[in-house]
């Protein structure tokens, strides 16, 4: 990456860490205190969080289209103000109505302030050369829970949950807003000039821009484009369902499979480092591999680990959490790179927003539905997530790979 790209990745990575820590990872630490102070159930707090995810699903395509048109700098700077407003609203809530309204505003911020918006901003700036930058952002923001959970817990312990929310709001103004202000105002090149190359990966034109540029827009007919879009939406929905289910229930799931509480907490703690390790692998070895191929490898990991855990029991618990974490880490990057290599840079933000709508709804339902599965089947709920993972892997296998791309674009 160039110096300018490195600065962009650093600014976006830090801002994304802040955005994830103050939204997606917020209720895990503060929900109990919120519920106790407002006189409502903890489940109602998570219902407000789910409502925010639904709002983000509905508004995601609009946010993506705005970034396509105006670039990430304007949209993300404005969104820092929305984050601050939402978190201030949550801090000032006096009952369920105010709480849901404030979480609704946070859903607006999440629609235009999490990974999809960051990926769209990078593609607006760098087009097909965005793969390394996307990976760099996910590497940094992969520590959002590592930073966010302890900081939220400490703030709540010292000054209460309202002060914790106000602190996060202030950080969006004092840190997030200036970071987004450092982003470039205009792309390095016009998107049309960096459209996907219709060349063989071995050709000089492809070699100059690396593996991503060589990964062609294989969906070069309306029918094949629609088919690939449906498959991608399915993959993303399954990925987000599983990752959210594991984030919400992993320690409980491990205990249901016979792992003692202390060991379950240790094993659950391996997921974060495994995600970062998977992203480092993507940044290093797998960057020379077609993104569809690396996504297929990652797409099989959760199911392989789950099946090993189900069949071998407690001794395979560590293997399950490590495989799940590493696969999820690579698939997070795939959410940014696969739409780019399959469809190109034009209208990337809008397309990304549309592809993620089913995923956001799946994410909103996941904690509740998977919790019911654990209540009913205990550790056997893993059969459900393993089956979903295999469906996602099958969808990835149906996506056109690099060999198909060359065949479709070669002269008749």
Protein backbone atom coordinates (compact mmCIF):
# COMPACT_ATOMS: atom_id res chain seq x y z
CA UNK A 1 0.00 0.00 0.00
CA UNK A 2 1.08 3.59 -0.62
CA UNK A 3 1.60 6.09 2.19
CA UNK A 4 -1.78 7.66 1.40
CA UNK A 5 -3.52 4.27 1.52
CA UNK A 6 -1.80 3.39 4.79
CA UNK A 7 -3.04 6.65 6.33
CA UNK A 8 -6.55 5.98 5.05
CA UNK A 9 -6.55 2.45 6.46
CA UNK A 10 -5.27 3.66 9.82
CA UNK A 11 -7.92 6.37 10.10
CA UNK A 12 -10.74 4.10 9.00
CA UNK A 13 -9.51 1.21 11.14
CA UNK A 14 -9.40 3.32 14.32
CA UNK A 15 -12.79 4.87 13.57
CA UNK A 16 -14.30 1.46 12.83
CA UNK A 17 -12.98 0.13 16.14
CA UNK A 18 -14.78 3.00 17.86
CA UNK A 19 -17.99 2.46 15.86
CA UNK A 20 -18.21 -1.28 16.57
CA UNK A 21 -17.26 -0.91 20.25
CA UNK A 22 -19.96 1.74 20.83
CA UNK A 23 -22.79 -0.02 18.99
CA UNK A 24 -22.60 -3.75 18.27
CA UNK A 25 -20.63 -4.54 21.44
CA UNK A 26 -22.38 -2.03 23.70
CA UNK A 27 -25.37 -3.99 25.07
CA UNK A 28 -23.33 -7.00 26.21
CA UNK A 29 -21.79 -4.90 28.99
CA UNK A 30 -24.52 -2.33 29.69
CA UNK A 31 -27.83 -4.16 29.10
CA UNK A 32 -28.21 -5.40 32.68
CA UNK A 33 -27.60 -1.95 34.19
CA UNK A 34 -29.89 -0.28 31.63
CA UNK A 35 -32.70 -2.73 32.39
CA UNK A 36 -32.34 -2.36 36.16
CA UNK A 37 -32.32 1.45 36.04
CA UNK A 38 -35.21 1.74 33.57
CA UNK A 39 -37.30 -0.92 35.26
CA UNK A 40 -37.51 -3.19 32.18
CA UNK A 41 -36.27 -6.67 31.34
CA UNK A 42 -32.86 -7.35 29.84
CA UNK A 43 -34.62 -8.97 26.90
CA UNK A 44 -36.29 -5.62 26.14
CA UNK A 45 -32.87 -3.98 25.89
CA UNK A 46 -31.78 -6.60 23.38
CA UNK A 47 -35.09 -6.14 21.55
CA UNK A 48 -34.17 -2.47 21.13
CA UNK A 49 -30.77 -3.57 19.82
CA UNK A 50 -32.47 -5.93 17.35
CA UNK A 51 -34.70 -3.06 16.23
CA UNK A 52 -31.57 -1.01 15.55
CA UNK A 53 -30.23 -3.82 13.38
CA UNK A 54 -33.49 -3.87 11.40
CA UNK A 55 -33.22 -0.11 10.85
CA UNK A 56 -29.64 -0.55 9.64
CA UNK A 57 -30.78 -3.28 7.23
CA UNK A 58 -33.43 -1.04 5.69
CA UNK A 59 -31.18 2.01 5.38
CA UNK A 60 -27.96 0.22 4.37
CA UNK A 61 -28.56 0.50 0.60
CA UNK A 62 -29.32 4.23 0.90
CA UNK A 63 -26.09 4.80 2.83
CA UNK A 64 -24.13 2.80 0.25
CA UNK A 65 -25.60 4.80 -2.62
CA UNK A 66 -24.68 8.05 -0.84
CA UNK A 67 -21.06 6.89 -0.51
CA UNK A 68 -21.01 5.91 -4.20
CA UNK A 69 -22.09 9.45 -5.07
CA UNK A 70 -20.36 11.63 -2.50
CA UNK A 71 -17.53 9.46 -1.18
CA UNK A 72 -16.95 8.20 2.33
CA UNK A 73 -15.51 11.36 3.84
CA UNK A 74 -18.74 13.39 3.84
CA UNK A 75 -21.03 10.52 4.76
CA UNK A 76 -18.86 9.17 7.57
CA UNK A 77 -18.18 12.60 9.09
CA UNK A 78 -21.91 13.29 9.18
CA UNK A 79 -22.47 9.84 10.61
CA UNK A 80 -20.13 10.58 13.52
CA UNK A 81 -22.64 13.23 14.56
CA UNK A 82 -25.48 10.69 14.25
CA UNK A 83 -23.56 8.23 16.46
CA UNK A 84 -23.03 10.95 19.07
CA UNK A 85 -26.71 11.95 18.94
CA UNK A 86 -27.89 8.33 19.28
CA UNK A 87 -25.63 7.51 22.22
CA UNK A 88 -26.62 10.73 23.96
CA UNK A 89 -30.26 9.77 23.41
CA UNK A 90 -29.69 6.35 24.96
CA UNK A 91 -27.98 7.99 27.95
CA UNK A 92 -30.96 10.32 28.44
CA UNK A 93 -33.68 7.67 27.99
CA UNK A 94 -36.17 7.51 30.86
CA UNK A 95 -38.33 4.62 29.66
CA UNK A 96 -38.93 2.10 26.87
CA UNK A 97 -40.22 4.67 24.35
CA UNK A 98 -37.19 6.91 24.60
CA UNK A 99 -34.91 3.91 24.64
CA UNK A 100 -36.33 2.45 21.42
CA UNK A 101 -36.24 5.83 19.69
CA UNK A 102 -32.59 6.32 20.62
CA UNK A 103 -31.65 2.81 19.52
CA UNK A 104 -33.48 3.51 16.27
CA UNK A 105 -31.20 6.49 15.69
CA UNK A 106 -28.24 4.26 16.49
CA UNK A 107 -29.53 1.91 13.79
CA UNK A 108 -29.28 4.82 11.34
CA UNK A 109 -25.68 5.34 12.44
CA UNK A 110 -24.89 1.64 12.09
CA UNK A 111 -26.32 1.62 8.55
CA UNK A 112 -23.77 4.21 7.44
CA UNK A 113 -20.95 3.62 9.91
CA UNK A 114 -19.88 -0.04 10.10
CA UNK A 115 -17.89 -2.29 7.77
CA UNK A 116 -20.11 -1.94 4.69
CA UNK A 117 -19.71 1.85 4.72
CA UNK A 118 -15.95 1.59 5.27
CA UNK A 119 -15.59 -0.94 2.44
CA UNK A 120 -17.65 1.25 0.10
CA UNK A 121 -15.47 4.24 1.02
CA UNK A 122 -12.33 2.32 0.11
CA UNK A 123 -13.77 1.10 -3.19
CA UNK A 124 -14.82 4.68 -4.02
CA UNK A 125 -11.20 5.73 -3.51
CA UNK A 126 -9.22 2.77 -4.83
CA UNK A 127 -11.56 0.60 -6.91
CA UNK A 128 -10.18 -2.87 -7.62
CA UNK A 129 -7.06 -2.13 -5.57
CA UNK A 130 -8.99 -2.21 -2.30
CA UNK A 131 -8.42 -5.78 -1.12
CA UNK A 132 -5.38 -5.10 1.07
CA UNK A 133 -6.99 -1.97 2.49
CA UNK A 134 -10.19 -3.86 3.36
CA UNK A 135 -8.10 -6.51 5.12
CA UNK A 136 -6.17 -3.84 7.03
CA UNK A 137 -9.34 -2.25 8.36
CA UNK A 138 -10.75 -5.57 9.58
CA UNK A 139 -7.43 -6.37 11.26
CA UNK A 140 -7.64 -3.20 13.34
CA UNK A 141 -11.38 -3.30 14.05
CA UNK A 142 -11.05 -6.96 15.02
CA UNK A 143 -10.01 -5.69 18.44
CA UNK A 144 -13.25 -3.72 18.93
CA UNK A 145 -14.63 -6.18 21.46
CA UNK A 146 -11.23 -6.50 23.16
CA UNK A 147 -11.22 -2.74 23.72
CA UNK A 148 -14.94 -2.00 23.89
CA UNK A 149 -16.11 -4.58 26.42
CA UNK A 150 -13.57 -3.75 29.17
CA UNK A 151 -13.87 0.01 28.60
CA UNK A 152 -17.68 -0.05 28.73
CA UNK A 153 -17.56 -2.23 31.85
CA UNK A 154 -15.03 0.08 33.55
CA UNK A 155 -16.99 3.23 32.68
CA UNK A 156 -20.20 1.63 33.96
CA UNK A 157 -18.50 0.56 37.19
CA UNK A 158 -17.01 4.01 37.80
CA UNK A 159 -19.83 6.35 36.73
CA UNK A 160 -22.80 4.29 35.57
CA UNK A 161 -24.15 3.22 32.18
CA UNK A 162 -25.42 6.68 31.24
CA UNK A 163 -21.97 8.19 31.64
CA UNK A 164 -20.53 5.29 29.66
CA UNK A 165 -22.84 6.10 26.73
CA UNK A 166 -22.02 9.81 26.98
CA UNK A 167 -18.31 8.97 26.93
CA UNK A 168 -18.72 6.95 23.73
CA UNK A 169 -20.71 9.86 22.25
CA UNK A 170 -17.88 12.26 23.09
CA UNK A 171 -15.33 9.93 21.53
CA UNK A 172 -17.23 10.02 18.24
CA UNK A 173 -16.95 13.81 18.25
CA UNK A 174 -13.39 14.07 19.54
CA UNK A 175 -11.86 11.06 17.78
CA UNK A 176 -14.15 9.62 15.10
CA UNK A 177 -15.04 12.91 13.42
CA UNK A 178 -11.40 14.09 13.01
CA UNK A 179 -10.32 10.64 11.80
CA UNK A 180 -12.93 10.64 9.05
CA UNK A 181 -11.90 14.19 8.20
CA UNK A 182 -8.46 12.84 7.22
CA UNK A 183 -9.91 10.75 4.37
CA UNK A 184 -9.20 11.80 0.81
CA UNK A 185 -11.86 13.96 -0.81
CA UNK A 186 -11.65 12.39 -4.27
CA UNK A 187 -10.69 8.98 -5.72
CA UNK A 188 -7.14 8.31 -6.94
CA UNK A 189 -8.65 7.36 -10.31
CA UNK A 190 -12.08 7.53 -11.85
CA UNK A 191 -13.98 4.28 -11.17
CA UNK A 192 -14.43 3.72 -14.88
CA UNK A 193 -10.66 3.69 -15.35
CA UNK A 194 -10.16 1.01 -12.75
CA UNK A 195 -13.00 -1.27 -13.76
CA UNK A 196 -12.27 -5.00 -13.50
CA UNK A 197 -9.75 -6.13 -16.12
CA UNK A 198 -10.93 -8.52 -18.79
CA UNK A 199 -7.58 -10.23 -18.98
CA UNK A 200 -5.98 -13.48 -17.96
CA UNK A 201 -4.32 -13.31 -14.52
CA UNK A 202 -1.00 -14.11 -16.13
CA UNK A 203 -1.16 -11.17 -18.51
CA UNK A 204 0.92 -8.01 -17.91
CA UNK A 205 -2.18 -5.87 -17.38
CA UNK A 206 -3.41 -8.08 -14.58
CA UNK A 207 -0.01 -8.51 -12.98
CA UNK A 208 0.35 -4.78 -12.49
CA UNK A 209 -2.52 -4.58 -10.03
CA UNK A 210 -2.42 -7.96 -8.33
CA UNK A 211 -4.82 -10.86 -7.79
CA UNK A 212 -7.94 -8.78 -7.20
CA UNK A 213 -7.69 -6.99 -10.51
CA UNK A 214 -7.27 -10.35 -12.18
CA UNK A 215 -10.47 -11.59 -10.57
CA UNK A 216 -12.87 -10.62 -13.29
CA UNK A 217 -16.51 -9.55 -13.17
CA UNK A 218 -17.64 -13.02 -14.09
CA UNK A 219 -21.29 -12.11 -13.81
CA UNK A 220 -21.33 -10.56 -17.28
CA UNK A 221 -24.98 -11.32 -18.12
CA UNK A 222 -28.12 -10.23 -16.25
CA UNK A 223 -29.00 -13.85 -15.45
CA UNK A 224 -25.57 -14.78 -14.09
CA UNK A 225 -25.32 -11.50 -12.18
CA UNK A 226 -28.67 -12.11 -10.48
CA UNK A 227 -27.69 -15.69 -9.65
CA UNK A 228 -24.37 -14.61 -8.11
CA UNK A 229 -26.09 -11.81 -6.15
CA UNK A 230 -28.64 -14.26 -4.68
CA UNK A 231 -25.87 -16.69 -3.73
CA UNK A 232 -23.80 -13.94 -2.12
CA UNK A 233 -26.78 -12.62 -0.16
CA UNK A 234 -27.39 -16.16 1.11
CA UNK A 235 -23.74 -16.58 2.13
CA UNK A 236 -23.69 -13.26 3.95
CA UNK A 237 -26.97 -13.98 5.76
CA UNK A 238 -25.71 -17.38 6.96
CA UNK A 239 -22.33 -15.95 7.97
CA UNK A 240 -23.88 -13.15 10.02
CA UNK A 241 -26.43 -15.49 11.60
CA UNK A 242 -23.73 -17.90 12.76
CA UNK A 243 -21.25 -15.26 13.91
CA UNK A 244 -23.91 -13.38 15.89
CA UNK A 245 -25.24 -16.61 17.41
CA UNK A 246 -21.76 -17.59 18.55
CA UNK A 247 -21.05 -14.10 19.90
CA UNK A 248 -24.24 -14.21 21.97
CA UNK A 249 -24.22 -17.83 23.15
CA UNK A 250 -20.75 -19.40 22.78
CA UNK A 251 -19.87 -19.83 26.49
CA UNK A 252 -23.32 -21.30 27.17
CA UNK A 253 -23.07 -23.56 24.11
CA UNK A 254 -19.67 -24.88 25.18
CA UNK A 255 -21.04 -25.68 28.65
CA UNK A 256 -24.00 -27.48 27.08
CA UNK A 257 -21.46 -29.71 25.34
CA UNK A 258 -19.82 -30.59 28.64
CA UNK A 259 -17.07 -27.98 28.90
CA UNK A 260 -16.65 -26.63 32.48
CA UNK A 261 -17.44 -22.94 32.99
CA UNK A 262 -13.85 -21.76 33.45
CA UNK A 263 -12.64 -23.69 30.42
CA UNK A 264 -15.62 -22.48 28.39
CA UNK A 265 -14.67 -18.87 29.06
CA UNK A 266 -11.07 -19.57 28.07
CA UNK A 267 -12.13 -21.33 24.86
CA UNK A 268 -14.59 -18.56 23.98
CA UNK A 269 -11.75 -16.08 24.42
CA UNK A 270 -9.84 -17.83 21.61
CA UNK A 271 -12.32 -16.65 18.98
CA UNK A 272 -11.01 -13.07 18.87
CA UNK A 273 -7.34 -13.99 18.38
CA UNK A 274 -8.37 -16.65 15.84
CA UNK A 275 -10.29 -14.01 13.85
CA UNK A 276 -7.23 -11.77 13.77
CA UNK A 277 -5.04 -14.74 12.81
CA UNK A 278 -7.40 -15.55 9.94
CA UNK A 279 -7.24 -11.97 8.71
CA UNK A 280 -3.44 -11.99 8.95
CA UNK A 281 -3.47 -15.17 6.87
CA UNK A 282 -5.68 -13.43 4.31
CA UNK A 283 -3.33 -10.43 4.28
CA UNK A 284 -0.28 -12.63 3.79
CA UNK A 285 -0.57 -16.04 2.17
CA UNK A 286 -4.14 -15.85 0.88
CA UNK A 287 -3.72 -12.45 -0.80
CA UNK A 288 -2.18 -14.38 -3.69
CA UNK A 289 -5.30 -16.53 -3.94
CA UNK A 290 -8.53 -15.61 -5.74
CA UNK A 291 -10.98 -14.20 -3.13
CA UNK A 292 -13.64 -16.76 -4.06
CA UNK A 293 -11.20 -19.58 -3.26
CA UNK A 294 -10.17 -18.12 0.12
CA UNK A 295 -13.85 -17.57 0.97
CA UNK A 296 -14.60 -21.23 0.17
CA UNK A 297 -11.84 -22.39 2.52
CA UNK A 298 -13.12 -20.10 5.27
CA UNK A 299 -16.74 -21.06 4.63
CA UNK A 300 -16.04 -24.68 5.55
CA UNK A 301 -14.28 -23.97 8.85
CA UNK A 302 -17.24 -23.49 11.20
CA UNK A 303 -18.94 -26.68 10.04
CA UNK A 304 -15.73 -28.71 10.24
CA UNK A 305 -15.06 -27.49 13.77
CA UNK A 306 -18.68 -28.00 14.86
CA UNK A 307 -18.78 -31.55 13.50
CA UNK A 308 -15.49 -32.40 15.22
CA UNK A 309 -16.82 -30.99 18.50
CA UNK A 310 -20.11 -32.87 18.19
CA UNK A 311 -18.46 -36.19 17.35
CA UNK A 312 -15.32 -36.02 19.54
CA UNK A 313 -16.66 -34.04 22.47
CA UNK A 314 -14.74 -31.80 24.87
CA UNK A 315 -11.22 -32.55 23.51
CA UNK A 316 -12.24 -30.91 20.22
CA UNK A 317 -13.61 -27.76 21.87
CA UNK A 318 -10.49 -25.70 21.20
CA UNK A 319 -10.39 -26.83 17.58
CA UNK A 320 -14.01 -25.72 17.16
CA UNK A 321 -13.50 -22.22 18.55
CA UNK A 322 -10.27 -21.70 16.61
CA UNK A 323 -11.74 -22.88 13.31
CA UNK A 324 -14.90 -20.84 13.83
CA UNK A 325 -12.91 -17.71 14.68
CA UNK A 326 -10.44 -18.03 11.80
CA UNK A 327 -13.19 -18.73 9.27
CA UNK A 328 -15.27 -15.83 10.50
CA UNK A 329 -12.25 -13.52 10.27
CA UNK A 330 -11.65 -14.33 6.61
CA UNK A 331 -15.36 -14.21 5.73
CA UNK A 332 -15.57 -10.69 7.17
CA UNK A 333 -13.06 -9.65 4.52
CA UNK A 334 -14.93 -11.64 1.88
CA UNK A 335 -18.01 -9.48 2.52
CA UNK A 336 -15.99 -6.61 1.11
CA UNK A 337 -13.96 -8.32 -1.60
CA UNK A 338 -16.43 -10.76 -3.19
CA UNK A 339 -18.90 -8.11 -4.42
CA UNK A 340 -15.92 -6.17 -5.77
CA UNK A 341 -14.42 -9.01 -7.80
CA UNK A 342 -17.75 -10.38 -9.01
CA UNK A 343 -19.45 -7.13 -9.99
CA UNK A 344 -16.76 -4.45 -10.16
CA UNK A 345 -16.39 -1.05 -8.50
CA UNK A 346 -19.31 0.76 -10.13
CA UNK A 347 -22.25 1.25 -7.72
CA UNK A 348 -20.39 -0.85 -5.14
CA UNK A 349 -21.89 0.88 -2.10
CA UNK A 350 -25.50 0.48 -3.23
CA UNK A 351 -24.95 -3.14 -4.22
CA UNK A 352 -23.18 -3.91 -0.95
CA UNK A 353 -26.06 -2.39 1.00
CA UNK A 354 -28.61 -4.48 -0.89
CA UNK A 355 -26.62 -7.69 -0.50
CA UNK A 356 -26.40 -7.14 3.26
CA UNK A 357 -30.13 -6.57 3.87
CA UNK A 358 -30.88 -10.30 4.46
CA UNK A 359 -27.75 -10.55 6.62
CA UNK A 360 -28.89 -7.72 8.88
CA UNK A 361 -32.30 -9.32 9.39
CA UNK A 362 -30.64 -12.69 10.06
CA UNK A 363 -28.36 -10.99 12.57
CA UNK A 364 -31.32 -9.40 14.35
CA UNK A 365 -33.08 -12.76 14.72
CA UNK A 366 -30.01 -14.86 15.46
CA UNK A 367 -29.59 -14.46 19.26
CA UNK A 368 -33.25 -15.26 19.88
CA UNK A 369 -33.55 -18.20 17.48
CA UNK A 370 -30.27 -19.84 18.42
CA UNK A 371 -31.07 -19.33 22.09
CA UNK A 372 -34.30 -21.28 21.54
CA UNK A 373 -32.30 -24.02 19.81
CA UNK A 374 -29.97 -24.33 22.82
CA UNK A 375 -32.95 -24.37 25.20
CA UNK A 376 -34.48 -27.22 23.21
CA UNK A 377 -31.46 -29.27 22.11
CA UNK A 378 -28.57 -28.18 24.34
CA UNK A 379 -25.22 -28.70 22.64
CA UNK A 380 -27.09 -30.39 19.79
CA UNK A 381 -27.91 -26.90 18.51
CA UNK A 382 -24.48 -27.10 16.89
CA UNK A 383 -25.99 -29.47 14.31
CA UNK A 384 -28.15 -26.54 13.23
CA UNK A 385 -25.23 -24.10 12.80
CA UNK A 386 -23.12 -26.80 11.13
CA UNK A 387 -25.88 -27.47 8.61
CA UNK A 388 -26.24 -23.74 7.93
CA UNK A 389 -22.50 -23.48 7.43
CA UNK A 390 -22.57 -26.32 4.89
CA UNK A 391 -25.36 -24.56 2.98
CA UNK A 392 -23.22 -21.42 2.90
CA UNK A 393 -20.23 -23.44 1.70
CA UNK A 394 -22.34 -24.99 -1.06
CA UNK A 395 -23.42 -21.51 -2.17
CA UNK A 396 -19.78 -20.41 -2.30
CA UNK A 397 -18.95 -23.44 -4.43
CA UNK A 398 -21.68 -22.40 -6.88
CA UNK A 399 -20.14 -18.96 -7.34
CA UNK A 400 -17.98 -18.69 -10.47
CA UNK A 401 -14.29 -19.06 -9.66
CA UNK A 402 -11.20 -17.79 -11.47
CA UNK A 403 -11.15 -20.62 -14.01
CA UNK A 404 -14.76 -19.93 -14.94
CA UNK A 405 -13.99 -16.23 -15.28
CA UNK A 406 -11.26 -16.91 -17.85
CA UNK A 407 -13.49 -19.29 -19.76
CA UNK A 408 -16.39 -16.83 -19.95
CA UNK A 409 -14.30 -13.89 -21.05
CA UNK A 410 -12.13 -15.67 -23.64
CA UNK A 411 -12.95 -15.16 -27.33
CA UNK A 412 -15.53 -17.52 -28.81
